[in-house]
Amino acid sequence: MTNLFTRIKETITADLHAALDHKEKQNPIILLNQYLRQCEQETEKVRSLVERQYKLKTEFTREYQQAVELAGKRKYQAEVASQAGEMELYQFATTEHEQYANRAQRIGASLDEINTQLGELERKYEEMKHKVKDMHIRRLEIMGRENVSRANHRMNQVLDSNTDKATSRFQEIENYLDGLEHQVNSSFYRNTIDARIAQLEKNAKLEESKSIL
């Protein structure tokens, strides 16, 4: 029995999700919002990659400058050692100079490549931001059109299909108020007549009493 209820619950849940998905597919605003969120997420990822590329460029630049400085330093030291006749020191400084020079050359090539890649990433990132902005504007335009369409639809329902019905209803209310007003006036008139007649009768009795005396 528990398994049966579980299957029924799962079936109902699945049908509900399917109905909601179908409803969302029929609403272009919901679909556009979903697509916008996806684009914004991708744009944010690209922004993080651009920032990371800037950090890599900074690190490569620092390494390049350090390698160039050390290569120059070892070259100068090799010249000093050569002039002093210190061949072992000269050989060590020359080897170090070549290593730092090669490193600087390799890092320089990598730095050029990073600058090229960074320029491409920045260009695409700007394009993505403009695209997302245009989509936001487009969404506002569609929302405005949808709002006007809904408003016109509701107004047309009131002005067109419900005109005769509303007029008939207002006429019924007006007739009811007229009848109620007539009843009130008639009741007031009757009460007024009864009071006046009673007063006249009272006056007549007074006059009759006076004549007897």
Protein backbone atom coordinates (compact mmCIF):
# COMPACT_ATOMS: atom_id res chain seq x y z
CA MET A 1 0.00 0.00 0.00
CA THR A 2 2.87 2.37 0.86
CA ASN A 3 4.47 1.70 -2.52
CA LEU A 4 1.17 2.43 -4.23
CA PHE A 5 0.80 5.79 -2.48
CA THR A 6 4.44 6.58 -3.29
CA ARG A 7 3.86 5.85 -6.98
CA ILE A 8 0.71 7.96 -6.99
CA LYS A 9 2.57 10.84 -5.33
CA GLU A 10 5.43 10.62 -7.81
CA THR A 11 3.01 10.52 -10.73
CA ILE A 12 1.14 13.59 -9.48
CA THR A 13 4.42 15.44 -8.88
CA ALA A 14 5.67 14.57 -12.36
CA ASP A 15 2.41 15.75 -13.92
CA LEU A 16 2.61 18.99 -11.94
CA HIS A 17 6.18 19.67 -13.07
CA ALA A 18 5.21 18.88 -16.65
CA ALA A 19 2.27 21.29 -16.45
CA LEU A 20 4.49 24.02 -15.01
CA ASP A 21 7.11 23.43 -17.70
CA HIS A 22 4.43 23.64 -20.38
CA LYS A 23 3.10 26.87 -18.88
CA GLU A 24 6.58 28.38 -18.77
CA LYS A 25 7.20 27.44 -22.39
CA GLN A 26 4.07 29.34 -23.34
CA ASN A 27 5.32 32.50 -21.62
CA PRO A 28 8.11 34.18 -23.62
CA ILE A 29 9.02 36.45 -20.70
CA ILE A 30 9.86 33.46 -18.48
CA LEU A 31 11.97 31.88 -21.21
CA LEU A 32 13.75 35.18 -21.85
CA ASN A 33 14.45 35.61 -18.13
CA GLN A 34 15.95 32.13 -17.97
CA TYR A 35 18.14 32.82 -20.99
CA LEU A 36 19.21 36.14 -19.52
CA ARG A 37 20.23 34.50 -16.25
CA GLN A 38 22.30 31.96 -18.17
CA CYS A 39 23.98 34.70 -20.19
CA GLU A 40 24.68 36.72 -17.04
CA GLN A 41 26.25 33.64 -15.41
CA GLU A 42 28.45 33.04 -18.45
CA THR A 43 29.40 36.72 -18.54
CA GLU A 44 30.40 36.54 -14.88
CA LYS A 45 32.56 33.49 -15.60
CA VAL A 46 34.29 35.36 -18.44
CA ARG A 47 34.86 38.34 -16.13
CA SER A 48 36.59 36.02 -13.66
CA LEU A 49 38.77 34.63 -16.46
CA VAL A 50 39.71 38.14 -17.59
CA GLU A 51 40.70 39.06 -14.04
CA ARG A 52 42.73 35.86 -13.78
CA GLN A 53 44.47 36.66 -17.07
CA TYR A 54 45.40 40.09 -15.72
CA LYS A 55 46.94 38.45 -12.66
CA LEU A 56 48.88 36.05 -14.88
CA LYS A 57 50.09 38.98 -16.96
CA THR A 58 51.28 40.74 -13.80
CA GLU A 59 53.14 37.62 -12.63
CA PHE A 60 54.72 37.04 -16.06
CA THR A 61 55.74 40.70 -16.26
CA ARG A 62 57.39 40.46 -12.86
CA GLU A 63 59.20 37.25 -13.83
CA TYR A 64 60.27 38.78 -17.15
CA GLN A 65 61.68 41.91 -15.55
CA GLN A 66 63.51 39.81 -12.95
CA ALA A 67 65.01 37.54 -15.63
CA VAL A 68 66.13 40.55 -17.74
CA GLU A 69 67.71 42.23 -14.70
CA LEU A 70 69.56 39.06 -13.66
CA ALA A 71 70.71 38.41 -17.22
CA GLY A 72 72.12 41.91 -17.41
CA LYS A 73 73.70 41.54 -13.99
CA ARG A 74 75.39 38.22 -14.90
CA LYS A 75 76.60 39.67 -18.21
CA TYR A 76 78.26 42.55 -16.39
CA GLN A 77 79.74 40.16 -13.83
CA ALA A 78 81.13 37.95 -16.62
CA GLU A 79 82.86 40.97 -18.15
CA VAL A 80 84.34 41.92 -14.80
CA ALA A 81 85.56 38.35 -14.20
CA SER A 82 87.03 38.16 -17.72
CA GLN A 83 88.96 41.39 -17.25
CA ALA A 84 90.24 40.08 -13.89
CA GLY A 85 91.33 36.80 -15.42
CA GLU A 86 88.94 34.81 -13.21
CA MET A 87 88.00 32.24 -15.84
CA GLU A 88 86.05 29.95 -13.50
CA LEU A 89 83.96 32.86 -12.26
CA TYR A 90 83.67 34.13 -15.82
CA GLN A 91 82.34 30.76 -16.97
CA PHE A 92 79.81 30.60 -14.14
CA ALA A 93 78.57 34.15 -14.82
CA THR A 94 78.37 33.47 -18.57
CA THR A 95 76.34 30.30 -18.00
CA GLU A 96 74.00 32.14 -15.64
CA HIS A 97 73.66 34.98 -18.17
CA GLU A 98 72.63 32.53 -20.90
CA GLN A 99 70.10 30.83 -18.63
CA TYR A 100 68.50 34.11 -17.55
CA ALA A 101 68.56 35.45 -21.11
CA ASN A 102 66.84 32.31 -22.42
CA ARG A 103 64.32 32.51 -19.60
CA ALA A 104 63.63 36.16 -20.36
CA GLN A 105 63.15 35.30 -24.04
CA ARG A 106 60.76 32.46 -23.22
CA ILE A 107 58.82 34.53 -20.72
CA GLY A 108 58.70 37.43 -23.17
CA ALA A 109 57.13 35.18 -25.80
CA SER A 110 54.61 33.91 -23.25
CA LEU A 111 53.89 37.49 -22.20
CA ASP A 112 53.21 38.49 -25.81
CA GLU A 113 50.84 35.55 -26.14
CA ILE A 114 49.10 36.46 -22.88
CA ASN A 115 48.65 40.05 -24.05
CA THR A 116 47.10 38.80 -27.30
CA GLN A 117 44.80 36.43 -25.44
CA LEU A 118 43.89 39.12 -22.94
CA GLY A 119 42.95 41.52 -25.73
CA GLU A 120 40.73 38.84 -27.29
CA LEU A 121 39.11 38.03 -23.95
CA GLU A 122 38.44 41.71 -23.26
CA ARG A 123 36.89 42.17 -26.69
CA LYS A 124 34.59 39.18 -26.27
CA TYR A 125 33.77 40.18 -22.71
CA GLU A 126 32.68 43.64 -23.88
CA GLU A 127 30.60 42.05 -26.63
CA MET A 128 28.92 39.79 -24.09
CA LYS A 129 28.13 42.73 -21.80
CA HIS A 130 26.60 44.66 -24.70
CA LYS A 131 24.63 41.59 -25.74
CA VAL A 132 23.25 41.09 -22.23
CA LYS A 133 22.39 44.78 -21.99
CA ASP A 134 20.56 44.64 -25.33
CA MET A 135 18.67 41.60 -24.11
CA HIS A 136 17.64 43.46 -20.95
CA ILE A 137 16.30 46.29 -23.08
CA ARG A 138 14.57 43.80 -25.36
CA ARG A 139 12.94 42.18 -22.32
CA LEU A 140 11.63 45.56 -21.18
CA GLU A 141 10.22 46.16 -24.65
CA ILE A 142 8.49 42.78 -24.70
CA MET A 143 7.17 43.30 -21.16
CA GLY A 144 5.77 46.67 -22.24
CA ARG A 145 4.07 45.14 -25.26
CA GLU A 146 2.70 42.29 -23.17
CA ASN A 147 1.37 44.73 -20.56
CA VAL A 148 -0.36 46.85 -23.20
CA SER A 149 -1.84 43.75 -24.83
CA ARG A 150 -3.19 42.49 -21.50
CA ALA A 151 -4.62 45.91 -20.66
CA ASN A 152 -6.27 46.25 -24.07
CA HIS A 153 -7.67 42.75 -23.81
CA ARG A 154 -9.26 43.45 -20.42
CA MET A 155 -10.59 46.83 -21.53
CA ASN A 156 -12.08 45.32 -24.67
CA GLN A 157 -13.80 42.68 -22.57
CA VAL A 158 -15.41 45.41 -20.48
CA LEU A 159 -16.20 47.75 -23.37
CA ASP A 160 -17.38 45.16 -25.89
CA SER A 161 -18.68 41.91 -24.51
CA ASN A 162 -20.00 43.29 -21.19
CA THR A 163 -21.57 46.52 -22.42
CA ASP A 164 -25.11 45.19 -22.86
CA LYS A 165 -24.91 43.16 -19.67
CA ALA A 166 -23.60 46.11 -17.67
CA THR A 167 -26.26 48.43 -19.11
CA SER A 168 -28.99 45.95 -18.21
CA ARG A 169 -27.60 45.60 -14.70
CA PHE A 170 -27.43 49.35 -14.19
CA GLN A 171 -31.04 49.65 -15.44
CA GLU A 172 -32.16 47.03 -12.93
CA ILE A 173 -30.45 48.92 -10.11
CA GLU A 174 -31.94 52.21 -11.26
CA ASN A 175 -35.44 50.71 -11.42
CA TYR A 176 -34.97 49.25 -7.95
CA LEU A 177 -33.89 52.62 -6.55
CA ASP A 178 -36.83 54.36 -8.24
CA GLY A 179 -39.23 51.85 -6.71
CA LEU A 180 -37.64 52.22 -3.30
CA GLU A 181 -37.84 56.00 -3.53
CA HIS A 182 -41.50 55.76 -4.53
CA GLN A 183 -42.22 53.53 -1.53
CA VAL A 184 -40.50 55.96 0.83
CA ASN A 185 -42.37 58.94 -0.62
CA SER A 186 -45.70 57.09 -0.50
CA SER A 187 -45.12 56.05 3.08
CA PHE A 188 -44.20 59.61 4.06
CA TYR A 189 -47.24 60.98 2.28
CA ARG A 190 -49.55 58.50 3.97
CA ASN A 191 -48.08 59.24 7.37
CA THR A 192 -48.43 62.97 6.72
CA ILE A 193 -52.07 62.61 5.68
CA ASP A 194 -52.85 60.46 8.73
CA ALA A 195 -51.27 63.02 11.04
CA ARG A 196 -53.09 65.93 9.43
CA ILE A 197 -56.47 64.13 9.52
CA ALA A 198 -55.91 63.22 13.17
CA GLN A 199 -55.14 66.86 13.95
CA LEU A 200 -58.23 68.02 12.11
CA GLU A 201 -60.36 65.55 14.02
CA LYS A 202 -58.83 66.75 17.28
CA ASN A 203 -59.49 70.38 16.38
CA ALA A 204 -63.08 69.57 15.42
CA LYS A 205 -63.70 67.91 18.78
CA LEU A 206 -62.27 70.95 20.57
CA GLU A 207 -64.56 73.29 18.65
CA GLU A 208 -67.51 71.06 19.37
CA SER A 209 -66.73 71.10 23.10
CA LYS A 210 -66.43 74.88 23.11
CA SER A 211 -69.82 75.30 21.41
CA ILE A 212 -71.55 73.15 24.00
CA LEU A 213 -70.15 75.26 26.81
